[in-house]
Amino acid sequence: MKKKMIALASLGLVCATFFLSCESNNQAEEEQLYIALEIPAKIISNAQAARLFRNDQQTRLEQIGKANTRFEDKAIHFDLSTLENYIYRLETLATANNISVTGASFVFGVDTDGKRTVFLMPSTHNEHLDYQESFTIENEQFLTFKHVDSSLKLQVNSQNDENLVLSPNGYVSFNEAVTQFNNYQTQYIQPFAKKVTKEYYTKAVWYSLNEFKEYFQYLKKKSTQYNLAITGVDVFFGVYDNDSSLALKSNAQTVFLTASTQKQSIVNSTGKSLQSLSQEEFMAKERTDESSESLTFNIGHLSPPPYTKKCYDEHGNRIPCEE
């Protein structure tokens, strides 16, 4: 596994002014932003959420012999305050260490109980491969986490000393994340690849730090406005429609986020649960529930970038693209 020292001045400090402003105590500006907050661009309708959820069941789980996966095992729960603190931690990391933290990725894995999961890792832009590459820092070393590889190698010595890899059950070490990542490859990607040939298979979904913050503020605002008692965010695997107009996202794995109360995952301002939504005929009716404000978030950047004969070699290295 490629190692780099923490000093990454060549990457540039993205949005340094923004990061510093986050540390200010200007309550008036924060309140103004809260009041003026619009619906985040990546909020999707209830019908879209239901379709993603069902596509995952029908085109992934049923295809690889996991059709009986319980709904409870599909919800990957994160505490909202923990997520907010995590994003602030990444901003602090960027400022303190002069690292260009562009966002964070939900990286796919399989946990110790054999269930699909995701864990969050900070990301920086890999100019060579032109994608958002996850990383962590352990033993004062910068460790990349390449989604383009089919499997990753364990470190000789891995310890969770910087708390940069956030799982649903708390922070994990680089090696723990690698083990989950490799298990996803063998238990979910390889069985599916035997049935359906694709140019690439999603292994992570990226959002910018600002997108995370906008979504979290949106949930808190709606929680107060509609007395929803939102305490967390639930992450679900989804699959885009098999539609050529979606280009690289056609039939691609993704994740979508919903609001979570202490009892269930909810998808709109009326408190409708995702479980009840998935049992109704929303796909057939194509209802969008415009009267009920959606709380579901999607449309992240899929990673890794697709391999193509024109632009990548067999090792995933970027080469000059042919016309």
C-alpha atoms as a PDB file:
ATOM      1  CA  MET A   1       0.000   0.000   0.000  1.00  0.00           C
ATOM      2  CA  LYS A   2       1.374   3.328  -1.045  1.00  0.00           C
ATOM      3  CA  LYS A   3       2.423   5.583   1.836  1.00  0.00           C
ATOM      4  CA  LYS A   4       2.832   9.344   1.905  1.00  0.00           C
ATOM      5  CA  MET A   5       3.796  11.689   4.659  1.00  0.00           C
ATOM      6  CA  ILE A   6       1.190  14.059   5.951  1.00  0.00           C
ATOM      7  CA  ALA A   7       2.623  17.118   4.235  1.00  0.00           C
ATOM      8  CA  LEU A   8       0.623  17.419   1.008  1.00  0.00           C
ATOM      9  CA  ALA A   9       1.103  21.057   0.198  1.00  0.00           C
ATOM     10  CA  SER A  10       1.116  20.247  -3.526  1.00  0.00           C
ATOM     11  CA  LEU A  11      -2.518  19.271  -3.327  1.00  0.00           C
ATOM     12  CA  GLY A  12      -3.450  22.799  -2.274  1.00  0.00           C
ATOM     13  CA  LEU A  13      -5.710  23.832   0.540  1.00  0.00           C
ATOM     14  CA  VAL A  14      -9.217  23.790  -0.912  1.00  0.00           C
ATOM     15  CA  CYS A  15     -11.641  26.312   0.516  1.00  0.00           C
ATOM     16  CA  ALA A  16      -9.289  27.437   3.267  1.00  0.00           C
ATOM     17  CA  THR A  17     -11.319  30.566   3.788  1.00  0.00           C
ATOM     18  CA  PHE A  18     -14.423  28.442   4.215  1.00  0.00           C
ATOM     19  CA  PHE A  19     -12.753  26.190   6.762  1.00  0.00           C
ATOM     20  CA  LEU A  20     -11.567  29.160   8.817  1.00  0.00           C
ATOM     21  CA  SER A  21     -14.992  30.768   8.698  1.00  0.00           C
ATOM     22  CA  CYS A  22     -16.454  27.580  10.141  1.00  0.00           C
ATOM     23  CA  GLU A  23     -14.496  28.235  13.304  1.00  0.00           C
ATOM     24  CA  SER A  24     -15.915  31.723  13.746  1.00  0.00           C
ATOM     25  CA  ASN A  25     -18.569  32.416  16.338  1.00  0.00           C
ATOM     26  CA  ASN A  26     -20.688  34.684  14.217  1.00  0.00           C
ATOM     27  CA  GLN A  27     -24.091  33.635  15.526  1.00  0.00           C
ATOM     28  CA  ALA A  28     -25.956  36.144  13.374  1.00  0.00           C
ATOM     29  CA  GLU A  29     -24.596  34.692  10.135  1.00  0.00           C
ATOM     30  CA  GLU A  30     -25.342  31.129  11.245  1.00  0.00           C
ATOM     31  CA  GLU A  31     -28.896  32.073  12.167  1.00  0.00           C
ATOM     32  CA  GLN A  32     -29.389  33.838   8.835  1.00  0.00           C
ATOM     33  CA  LEU A  33     -28.136  30.769   6.983  1.00  0.00           C
ATOM     34  CA  TYR A  34     -30.480  28.550   8.982  1.00  0.00           C
ATOM     35  CA  ILE A  35     -33.517  30.698   8.195  1.00  0.00           C
ATOM     36  CA  ALA A  36     -32.692  31.051   4.513  1.00  0.00           C
ATOM     37  CA  LEU A  37     -31.820  27.377   4.038  1.00  0.00           C
ATOM     38  CA  GLU A  38     -33.258  25.973   0.831  1.00  0.00           C
ATOM     39  CA  ILE A  39     -33.883  22.343  -0.031  1.00  0.00           C
ATOM     40  CA  PRO A  40     -30.487  20.759  -0.799  1.00  0.00           C
ATOM     41  CA  ALA A  41     -29.976  20.011  -4.484  1.00  0.00           C
ATOM     42  CA  LYS A  42     -29.494  16.293  -3.872  1.00  0.00           C
ATOM     43  CA  ILE A  43     -32.790  15.694  -2.072  1.00  0.00           C
ATOM     44  CA  ILE A  44     -34.784  13.092  -4.036  1.00  0.00           C
ATOM     45  CA  SER A  45     -38.500  12.266  -4.085  1.00  0.00           C
ATOM     46  CA  ASN A  46     -40.164   9.457  -2.156  1.00  0.00           C
ATOM     47  CA  ALA A  47     -40.794   7.630  -5.433  1.00  0.00           C
ATOM     48  CA  GLN A  48     -37.104   7.770  -6.319  1.00  0.00           C
ATOM     49  CA  ALA A  49     -36.165   6.461  -2.888  1.00  0.00           C
ATOM     50  CA  ALA A  50     -38.597   3.559  -3.221  1.00  0.00           C
ATOM     51  CA  ARG A  51     -37.247   2.738  -6.669  1.00  0.00           C
ATOM     52  CA  LEU A  52     -33.628   2.716  -5.522  1.00  0.00           C
ATOM     53  CA  PHE A  53     -34.539   0.510  -2.575  1.00  0.00           C
ATOM     54  CA  ARG A  54     -36.502  -1.981  -4.680  1.00  0.00           C
ATOM     55  CA  ASN A  55     -33.889  -2.073  -7.424  1.00  0.00           C
ATOM     56  CA  ASP A  56     -31.311  -3.084  -4.845  1.00  0.00           C
ATOM     57  CA  GLN A  57     -33.535  -5.930  -3.679  1.00  0.00           C
ATOM     58  CA  GLN A  58     -34.402  -7.153  -7.163  1.00  0.00           C
ATOM     59  CA  THR A  59     -31.176  -6.576  -9.101  1.00  0.00           C
ATOM     60  CA  ARG A  60     -28.602  -7.252  -6.382  1.00  0.00           C
ATOM     61  CA  LEU A  61     -29.785  -9.203  -3.347  1.00  0.00           C
ATOM     62  CA  GLU A  62     -32.065 -11.547  -5.271  1.00  0.00           C
ATOM     63  CA  GLN A  63     -29.387 -12.108  -7.903  1.00  0.00           C
ATOM     64  CA  ILE A  64     -26.782 -13.329  -5.411  1.00  0.00           C
ATOM     65  CA  GLY A  65     -28.985 -15.451  -3.149  1.00  0.00           C
ATOM     66  CA  LYS A  66     -29.610 -12.868  -0.426  1.00  0.00           C
ATOM     67  CA  ALA A  67     -33.278 -12.159  -1.144  1.00  0.00           C
ATOM     68  CA  ASN A  68     -34.301 -12.862   2.459  1.00  0.00           C
ATOM     69  CA  THR A  69     -32.223 -10.056   3.951  1.00  0.00           C
ATOM     70  CA  ARG A  70     -34.340  -8.418   6.660  1.00  0.00           C
ATOM     71  CA  PHE A  71     -35.244  -4.761   6.448  1.00  0.00           C
ATOM     72  CA  GLU A  72     -33.542  -4.184   9.810  1.00  0.00           C
ATOM     73  CA  ASP A  73     -30.280  -5.475   8.328  1.00  0.00           C
ATOM     74  CA  LYS A  74     -30.495  -2.997   5.457  1.00  0.00           C
ATOM     75  CA  ALA A  75     -30.497   0.121   7.630  1.00  0.00           C
ATOM     76  CA  ILE A  76     -27.002   1.404   8.443  1.00  0.00           C
ATOM     77  CA  HIS A  77     -27.448   3.880  11.284  1.00  0.00           C
ATOM     78  CA  PHE A  78     -25.302   6.879  12.188  1.00  0.00           C
ATOM     79  CA  ASP A  79     -26.031   9.308  15.018  1.00  0.00           C
ATOM     80  CA  LEU A  80     -26.606  12.804  13.611  1.00  0.00           C
ATOM     81  CA  SER A  81     -24.446  14.596  16.167  1.00  0.00           C
ATOM     82  CA  THR A  82     -21.636  12.093  15.547  1.00  0.00           C
ATOM     83  CA  LEU A  83     -21.758  12.828  11.816  1.00  0.00           C
ATOM     84  CA  GLU A  84     -21.707  16.574  12.417  1.00  0.00           C
ATOM     85  CA  ASN A  85     -18.704  16.243  14.705  1.00  0.00           C
ATOM     86  CA  TYR A  86     -16.979  14.052  12.131  1.00  0.00           C
ATOM     87  CA  ILE A  87     -17.334  16.626   9.350  1.00  0.00           C
ATOM     88  CA  TYR A  88     -16.047  19.334  11.696  1.00  0.00           C
ATOM     89  CA  ARG A  89     -13.104  17.042  12.516  1.00  0.00           C
ATOM     90  CA  LEU A  90     -12.249  16.772   8.814  1.00  0.00           C
ATOM     91  CA  GLU A  91     -12.376  20.548   8.431  1.00  0.00           C
ATOM     92  CA  THR A  92     -10.035  20.905  11.388  1.00  0.00           C
ATOM     93  CA  LEU A  93      -7.714  18.273   9.905  1.00  0.00           C
ATOM     94  CA  ALA A  94      -7.553  20.164   6.614  1.00  0.00           C
ATOM     95  CA  THR A  95      -6.681  23.437   8.295  1.00  0.00           C
ATOM     96  CA  ALA A  96      -4.221  22.084  10.863  1.00  0.00           C
ATOM     97  CA  ASN A  97      -2.266  19.830   8.492  1.00  0.00           C
ATOM     98  CA  ASN A  98      -2.578  21.713   5.195  1.00  0.00           C
ATOM     99  CA  ILE A  99      -4.358  18.782   3.536  1.00  0.00           C
ATOM    100  CA  SER A 100      -6.890  19.309   0.798  1.00  0.00           C
ATOM    101  CA  VAL A 101      -9.903  17.468   2.215  1.00  0.00           C
ATOM    102  CA  THR A 102     -12.485  17.649  -0.572  1.00  0.00           C
ATOM    103  CA  GLY A 103     -15.212  15.647   1.154  1.00  0.00           C
ATOM    104  CA  ALA A 104     -15.976  12.225   2.564  1.00  0.00           C
ATOM    105  CA  SER A 105     -16.966   8.914   1.011  1.00  0.00           C
ATOM    106  CA  PHE A 106     -19.253   6.153   2.199  1.00  0.00           C
ATOM    107  CA  VAL A 107     -17.030   3.172   1.420  1.00  0.00           C
ATOM    108  CA  PHE A 108     -18.758  -0.207   1.020  1.00  0.00           C
ATOM    109  CA  GLY A 109     -17.934  -3.088   3.315  1.00  0.00           C
ATOM    110  CA  VAL A 110     -19.158  -6.210   5.082  1.00  0.00           C
ATOM    111  CA  ASP A 111     -19.082  -6.123   8.884  1.00  0.00           C
ATOM    112  CA  THR A 112     -18.111  -8.823  11.378  1.00  0.00           C
ATOM    113  CA  ASP A 113     -21.704 -10.134  11.353  1.00  0.00           C
ATOM    114  CA  GLY A 114     -21.592 -10.656   7.585  1.00  0.00           C
ATOM    115  CA  LYS A 115     -23.936  -7.756   6.778  1.00  0.00           C
ATOM    116  CA  ARG A 116     -23.379  -5.011   4.227  1.00  0.00           C
ATOM    117  CA  THR A 117     -22.227  -1.794   5.783  1.00  0.00           C
ATOM    118  CA  VAL A 118     -20.524   1.484   4.962  1.00  0.00           C
ATOM    119  CA  PHE A 119     -17.836   3.479   6.706  1.00  0.00           C
ATOM    120  CA  LEU A 120     -16.894   7.110   6.200  1.00  0.00           C
ATOM    121  CA  MET A 121     -13.425   8.202   5.132  1.00  0.00           C
ATOM    122  CA  PRO A 122     -12.056  11.632   4.240  1.00  0.00           C
ATOM    123  CA  SER A 123     -11.135  12.153   0.607  1.00  0.00           C
ATOM    124  CA  THR A 124      -8.769  14.174  -1.514  1.00  0.00           C
ATOM    125  CA  HIS A 125      -8.665  14.550  -5.273  1.00  0.00           C
ATOM    126  CA  ASN A 126      -6.386  12.082  -7.050  1.00  0.00           C
ATOM    127  CA  GLU A 127      -5.253  14.038 -10.088  1.00  0.00           C
ATOM    128  CA  HIS A 128      -3.634  11.012 -11.729  1.00  0.00           C
ATOM    129  CA  LEU A 129      -6.828   8.946 -11.798  1.00  0.00           C
ATOM    130  CA  ASP A 130      -9.137  11.972 -11.632  1.00  0.00           C
ATOM    131  CA  TYR A 131     -11.390  10.796  -8.802  1.00  0.00           C
ATOM    132  CA  GLN A 132     -12.023  11.377  -5.116  1.00  0.00           C
ATOM    133  CA  GLU A 133      -9.688   9.022  -3.272  1.00  0.00           C
ATOM    134  CA  SER A 134     -10.198   8.074   0.361  1.00  0.00           C
ATOM    135  CA  PHE A 135      -7.368   8.265   2.867  1.00  0.00           C
ATOM    136  CA  THR A 136      -6.577   8.022   6.537  1.00  0.00           C
ATOM    137  CA  ILE A 137      -3.600   8.798   8.778  1.00  0.00           C
ATOM    138  CA  GLU A 138      -2.015   6.235  11.066  1.00  0.00           C
ATOM    139  CA  ASN A 139       1.356   6.268  12.803  1.00  0.00           C
ATOM    140  CA  GLU A 140       1.864   9.749  11.317  1.00  0.00           C
ATOM    141  CA  GLN A 141       1.652   8.313   7.808  1.00  0.00           C
ATOM    142  CA  PHE A 142      -0.790   9.260   5.064  1.00  0.00           C
ATOM    143  CA  LEU A 143      -2.427   6.055   3.760  1.00  0.00           C
ATOM    144  CA  THR A 144      -4.460   6.034   0.568  1.00  0.00           C
ATOM    145  CA  PHE A 145      -7.473   3.779   0.229  1.00  0.00           C
ATOM    146  CA  LYS A 146      -7.759   3.077  -3.495  1.00  0.00           C
ATOM    147  CA  HIS A 147     -11.281   2.155  -4.592  1.00  0.00           C
ATOM    148  CA  VAL A 148      -9.897   1.220  -8.013  1.00  0.00           C
ATOM    149  CA  ASP A 149      -8.225  -1.876  -6.562  1.00  0.00           C
ATOM    150  CA  SER A 150     -10.161  -5.125  -6.269  1.00  0.00           C
ATOM    151  CA  SER A 151      -8.596  -5.736  -2.864  1.00  0.00           C
ATOM    152  CA  LEU A 152      -6.331  -3.855  -0.495  1.00  0.00           C
ATOM    153  CA  LYS A 153      -3.391  -5.011   1.590  1.00  0.00           C
ATOM    154  CA  LEU A 154      -3.265  -4.872   5.360  1.00  0.00           C
ATOM    155  CA  GLN A 155      -0.632  -2.765   7.093  1.00  0.00           C
ATOM    156  CA  VAL A 156       1.971  -4.480   9.250  1.00  0.00           C
ATOM    157  CA  ASN A 157       0.991  -2.202  12.117  1.00  0.00           C
ATOM    158  CA  SER A 158      -2.433  -0.542  12.072  1.00  0.00           C
ATOM    159  CA  GLN A 159      -3.930   1.348  14.974  1.00  0.00           C
ATOM    160  CA  ASN A 160      -6.838   3.718  15.252  1.00  0.00           C
ATOM    161  CA  ASP A 161      -4.834   6.703  16.474  1.00  0.00           C
ATOM    162  CA  GLU A 162      -6.367   9.551  14.449  1.00  0.00           C
ATOM    163  CA  ASN A 163     -10.074   8.559  14.352  1.00  0.00           C
ATOM    164  CA  LEU A 164     -10.596   9.266  10.651  1.00  0.00           C
ATOM    165  CA  VAL A 165     -12.523   6.140   9.616  1.00  0.00           C
ATOM    166  CA  LEU A 166     -16.033   6.280  11.034  1.00  0.00           C
ATOM    167  CA  SER A 167     -18.142   3.110  11.077  1.00  0.00           C
ATOM    168  CA  PRO A 168     -21.721   2.786  12.416  1.00  0.00           C
ATOM    169  CA  ASN A 169     -20.214   1.337  15.615  1.00  0.00           C
ATOM    170  CA  GLY A 170     -17.509   3.936  16.088  1.00  0.00           C
ATOM    171  CA  TYR A 171     -14.059   4.615  14.696  1.00  0.00           C
ATOM    172  CA  VAL A 172     -12.053   1.766  13.169  1.00  0.00           C
ATOM    173  CA  SER A 173      -8.455   1.286  12.081  1.00  0.00           C
ATOM    174  CA  PHE A 174      -7.153   1.139   8.523  1.00  0.00           C
ATOM    175  CA  ASN A 175      -6.840  -2.654   8.705  1.00  0.00           C
ATOM    176  CA  GLU A 176     -10.389  -3.052   9.992  1.00  0.00           C
ATOM    177  CA  ALA A 177     -11.641  -0.922   7.098  1.00  0.00           C
ATOM    178  CA  VAL A 178      -9.558  -2.917   4.589  1.00  0.00           C
ATOM    179  CA  THR A 179     -10.988  -6.199   5.878  1.00  0.00           C
ATOM    180  CA  GLN A 180     -14.555  -4.921   5.452  1.00  0.00           C
ATOM    181  CA  PHE A 181     -13.760  -3.528   1.993  1.00  0.00           C
ATOM    182  CA  ASN A 182     -12.216  -6.817   0.812  1.00  0.00           C
ATOM    183  CA  ASN A 183     -15.160  -8.790   2.208  1.00  0.00           C
ATOM    184  CA  TYR A 184     -17.563  -6.670   0.160  1.00  0.00           C
ATOM    185  CA  GLN A 185     -15.577  -7.515  -2.961  1.00  0.00           C
ATOM    186  CA  THR A 186     -15.741 -11.264  -2.361  1.00  0.00           C
ATOM    187  CA  GLN A 187     -19.298 -11.492  -0.962  1.00  0.00           C
ATOM    188  CA  TYR A 188     -21.181  -8.975  -3.097  1.00  0.00           C
ATOM    189  CA  ILE A 189     -19.239  -7.836  -6.148  1.00  0.00           C
ATOM    190  CA  GLN A 190     -17.772 -11.141  -7.317  1.00  0.00           C
ATOM    191  CA  PRO A 191     -21.062 -13.122  -7.127  1.00  0.00           C
ATOM    192  CA  PHE A 192     -22.866 -10.344  -9.023  1.00  0.00           C
ATOM    193  CA  ALA A 193     -20.091 -10.009 -11.607  1.00  0.00           C
ATOM    194  CA  LYS A 194     -20.563 -13.689 -12.511  1.00  0.00           C
ATOM    195  CA  LYS A 195     -24.141 -12.890 -13.556  1.00  0.00           C
ATOM    196  CA  VAL A 196     -23.896  -9.349 -14.905  1.00  0.00           C
ATOM    197  CA  THR A 197     -20.885  -7.960 -16.720  1.00  0.00           C
ATOM    198  CA  LYS A 198     -20.255  -4.283 -16.095  1.00  0.00           C
ATOM    199  CA  GLU A 199     -17.400  -1.939 -16.857  1.00  0.00           C
ATOM    200  CA  TYR A 200     -17.029  -1.152 -13.189  1.00  0.00           C
ATOM    201  CA  TYR A 201     -18.669  -1.850  -9.837  1.00  0.00           C
ATOM    202  CA  THR A 202     -19.317   0.888  -7.312  1.00  0.00           C
ATOM    203  CA  LYS A 203     -17.344   0.645  -4.087  1.00  0.00           C
ATOM    204  CA  ALA A 204     -17.888   4.104  -2.587  1.00  0.00           C
ATOM    205  CA  VAL A 205     -20.117   7.175  -2.872  1.00  0.00           C
ATOM    206  CA  TRP A 206     -18.658  10.659  -2.345  1.00  0.00           C
ATOM    207  CA  TYR A 207     -20.183  13.914  -1.104  1.00  0.00           C
ATOM    208  CA  SER A 208     -18.479  17.243  -0.480  1.00  0.00           C
ATOM    209  CA  LEU A 209     -18.169  18.518   3.069  1.00  0.00           C
ATOM    210  CA  ASN A 210     -20.560  21.336   2.263  1.00  0.00           C
ATOM    211  CA  GLU A 211     -23.183  18.891   0.949  1.00  0.00           C
ATOM    212  CA  PHE A 212     -23.026  16.938   4.188  1.00  0.00           C
ATOM    213  CA  LYS A 213     -23.427  20.101   6.245  1.00  0.00           C
ATOM    214  CA  GLU A 214     -26.348  21.370   4.179  1.00  0.00           C
ATOM    215  CA  TYR A 215     -28.159  18.044   4.550  1.00  0.00           C
ATOM    216  CA  PHE A 216     -27.622  17.873   8.301  1.00  0.00           C
ATOM    217  CA  GLN A 217     -28.891  21.429   8.772  1.00  0.00           C
ATOM    218  CA  TYR A 218     -31.884  20.660   6.564  1.00  0.00           C
ATOM    219  CA  LEU A 219     -32.799  17.638   8.720  1.00  0.00           C
ATOM    220  CA  LYS A 220     -32.517  19.642  11.927  1.00  0.00           C
ATOM    221  CA  LYS A 221     -34.678  22.405  10.513  1.00  0.00           C
ATOM    222  CA  LYS A 222     -37.378  19.962   9.394  1.00  0.00           C
ATOM    223  CA  SER A 223     -37.181  18.108  12.689  1.00  0.00           C
ATOM    224  CA  THR A 224     -38.000  21.314  14.542  1.00  0.00           C
ATOM    225  CA  GLN A 225     -40.558  22.513  12.015  1.00  0.00           C
ATOM    226  CA  TYR A 226     -42.578  19.278  12.006  1.00  0.00           C
ATOM    227  CA  ASN A 227     -41.719  17.916  15.469  1.00  0.00           C
ATOM    228  CA  LEU A 228     -40.109  14.799  13.974  1.00  0.00           C
ATOM    229  CA  ALA A 229     -37.468  14.100  16.660  1.00  0.00           C
ATOM    230  CA  ILE A 230     -34.776  13.267  14.078  1.00  0.00           C
ATOM    231  CA  THR A 231     -31.749  11.870  15.883  1.00  0.00           C
ATOM    232  CA  GLY A 232     -29.745  10.206  13.122  1.00  0.00           C
ATOM    233  CA  VAL A 233     -29.171   9.340   9.502  1.00  0.00           C
ATOM    234  CA  ASP A 234     -29.809   5.896   8.033  1.00  0.00           C
ATOM    235  CA  VAL A 235     -27.851   4.803   4.969  1.00  0.00           C
ATOM    236  CA  PHE A 236     -29.370   2.320   2.520  1.00  0.00           C
ATOM    237  CA  PHE A 237     -27.961   0.613  -0.546  1.00  0.00           C
ATOM    238  CA  GLY A 238     -29.803   1.410  -3.749  1.00  0.00           C
ATOM    239  CA  VAL A 239     -29.472   0.732  -7.475  1.00  0.00           C
ATOM    240  CA  TYR A 240     -30.202   3.116 -10.331  1.00  0.00           C
ATOM    241  CA  ASP A 241     -32.591   2.082 -13.110  1.00  0.00           C
ATOM    242  CA  ASN A 242     -31.178   0.167 -16.059  1.00  0.00           C
ATOM    243  CA  ASP A 243     -31.574   3.199 -18.290  1.00  0.00           C
ATOM    244  CA  SER A 244     -29.040   4.224 -20.933  1.00  0.00           C
ATOM    245  CA  SER A 245     -29.907   7.900 -20.386  1.00  0.00           C
ATOM    246  CA  LEU A 246     -28.281   7.630 -16.944  1.00  0.00           C
ATOM    247  CA  ALA A 247     -24.966   6.904 -18.667  1.00  0.00           C
ATOM    248  CA  LEU A 248     -22.424   5.527 -16.155  1.00  0.00           C
ATOM    249  CA  LYS A 249     -25.037   5.427 -13.379  1.00  0.00           C
ATOM    250  CA  SER A 250     -27.258   3.018 -15.306  1.00  0.00           C
ATOM    251  CA  ASN A 251     -27.772  -0.138 -13.172  1.00  0.00           C
ATOM    252  CA  ALA A 252     -25.082   1.114 -10.802  1.00  0.00           C
ATOM    253  CA  GLN A 253     -24.980   0.529  -7.067  1.00  0.00           C
ATOM    254  CA  THR A 254     -25.306   3.614  -4.883  1.00  0.00           C
ATOM    255  CA  VAL A 255     -26.421   4.621  -1.411  1.00  0.00           C
ATOM    256  CA  PHE A 256     -29.154   6.995  -0.302  1.00  0.00           C
ATOM    257  CA  LEU A 257     -29.621   8.668   3.058  1.00  0.00           C
ATOM    258  CA  THR A 258     -32.807   9.086   5.065  1.00  0.00           C
ATOM    259  CA  ALA A 259     -33.659  10.778   8.326  1.00  0.00           C
ATOM    260  CA  SER A 260     -33.849   8.519  11.354  1.00  0.00           C
ATOM    261  CA  THR A 261     -35.821   8.752  14.575  1.00  0.00           C
ATOM    262  CA  GLN A 262     -35.229   6.489  17.548  1.00  0.00           C
ATOM    263  CA  LYS A 263     -37.760   4.038  16.097  1.00  0.00           C
ATOM    264  CA  GLN A 264     -37.535   4.094  12.298  1.00  0.00           C
ATOM    265  CA  SER A 265     -36.168   5.527   9.060  1.00  0.00           C
ATOM    266  CA  ILE A 266     -38.420   8.303   7.783  1.00  0.00           C
ATOM    267  CA  VAL A 267     -38.491   9.746   4.272  1.00  0.00           C
ATOM    268  CA  ASN A 268     -40.627  12.894   4.456  1.00  0.00           C
ATOM    269  CA  SER A 269     -42.014  15.617   6.684  1.00  0.00           C
ATOM    270  CA  THR A 270     -45.107  13.569   7.549  1.00  0.00           C
ATOM    271  CA  GLY A 271     -42.878  10.995   9.231  1.00  0.00           C
ATOM    272  CA  LYS A 272     -43.602   8.255   6.664  1.00  0.00           C
ATOM    273  CA  SER A 273     -41.276   5.293   7.181  1.00  0.00           C
ATOM    274  CA  LEU A 274     -39.121   3.858   4.411  1.00  0.00           C
ATOM    275  CA  GLN A 275     -40.321   0.365   5.309  1.00  0.00           C
ATOM    276  CA  SER A 276     -43.975   1.247   4.687  1.00  0.00           C
ATOM    277  CA  LEU A 277     -43.036   3.170   1.553  1.00  0.00           C
ATOM    278  CA  SER A 278     -41.232   0.176   0.096  1.00  0.00           C
ATOM    279  CA  GLN A 279     -44.325  -1.994   0.571  1.00  0.00           C
ATOM    280  CA  GLU A 280     -46.556   0.273  -1.513  1.00  0.00           C
ATOM    281  CA  GLU A 281     -46.872   0.527  -5.272  1.00  0.00           C
ATOM    282  CA  PHE A 282     -44.970   3.772  -5.639  1.00  0.00           C
ATOM    283  CA  MET A 283     -43.008   2.484  -8.602  1.00  0.00           C
ATOM    284  CA  ALA A 284     -46.127   1.754 -10.594  1.00  0.00           C
ATOM    285  CA  LYS A 285     -47.936   4.946  -9.631  1.00  0.00           C
ATOM    286  CA  GLU A 286     -44.847   7.102 -10.117  1.00  0.00           C
ATOM    287  CA  ARG A 287     -46.024   9.352  -7.299  1.00  0.00           C
ATOM    288  CA  THR A 288     -43.621  12.055  -6.190  1.00  0.00           C
ATOM    289  CA  ASP A 289     -45.421  13.224  -3.043  1.00  0.00           C
ATOM    290  CA  GLU A 290     -44.715  16.851  -3.813  1.00  0.00           C
ATOM    291  CA  SER A 291     -46.977  17.849  -0.914  1.00  0.00           C
ATOM    292  CA  SER A 292     -44.721  16.062   1.569  1.00  0.00           C
ATOM    293  CA  GLU A 293     -41.198  17.440   1.787  1.00  0.00           C
ATOM    294  CA  SER A 294     -38.712  14.659   1.183  1.00  0.00           C
ATOM    295  CA  LEU A 295     -35.912  13.955   3.672  1.00  0.00           C
ATOM    296  CA  THR A 296     -34.030  11.564   1.389  1.00  0.00           C
ATOM    297  CA  PHE A 297     -30.600  12.428  -0.002  1.00  0.00           C
ATOM    298  CA  ASN A 298     -28.833  10.834  -2.986  1.00  0.00           C
ATOM    299  CA  ILE A 299     -27.020  11.662  -6.260  1.00  0.00           C
ATOM    300  CA  GLY A 300     -23.499  11.284  -4.886  1.00  0.00           C
ATOM    301  CA  HIS A 301     -20.415  10.739  -7.012  1.00  0.00           C
ATOM    302  CA  LEU A 302     -19.847   7.025  -7.582  1.00  0.00           C
ATOM    303  CA  SER A 303     -16.363   5.624  -7.151  1.00  0.00           C
ATOM    304  CA  PRO A 304     -14.134   4.230  -8.525  1.00  0.00           C
ATOM    305  CA  PRO A 305     -14.169   5.809 -11.972  1.00  0.00           C
ATOM    306  CA  PRO A 306     -14.977   3.241 -14.671  1.00  0.00           C
ATOM    307  CA  TYR A 307     -12.186   1.414 -16.384  1.00  0.00           C
ATOM    308  CA  THR A 308     -12.186   2.030 -20.127  1.00  0.00           C
ATOM    309  CA  LYS A 309      -9.925   0.673 -22.819  1.00  0.00           C
ATOM    310  CA  LYS A 310      -9.393   4.234 -24.026  1.00  0.00           C
ATOM    311  CA  CYS A 311      -8.367   5.992 -20.822  1.00  0.00           C
ATOM    312  CA  TYR A 312      -7.087   3.365 -18.339  1.00  0.00           C
ATOM    313  CA  ASP A 313      -4.653   0.497 -18.511  1.00  0.00           C
ATOM    314  CA  GLU A 314      -5.254  -2.921 -16.967  1.00  0.00           C
ATOM    315  CA  HIS A 315      -3.913  -1.706 -13.628  1.00  0.00           C
ATOM    316  CA  GLY A 316      -6.308   1.215 -13.426  1.00  0.00           C
ATOM    317  CA  ASN A 317      -3.644   3.786 -14.293  1.00  0.00           C
ATOM    318  CA  ARG A 318      -4.790   6.808 -16.278  1.00  0.00           C
ATOM    319  CA  ILE A 319      -3.376   6.975 -19.812  1.00  0.00           C
ATOM    320  CA  PRO A 320      -3.936   9.500 -22.616  1.00  0.00           C
ATOM    321  CA  CYS A 321      -7.482   9.013 -23.907  1.00  0.00           C
ATOM    322  CA  GLU A 322      -7.926   8.000 -27.502  1.00  0.00           C
ATOM    323  CA  GLU A 323     -10.316   9.929 -29.690  1.00  0.00           C
END
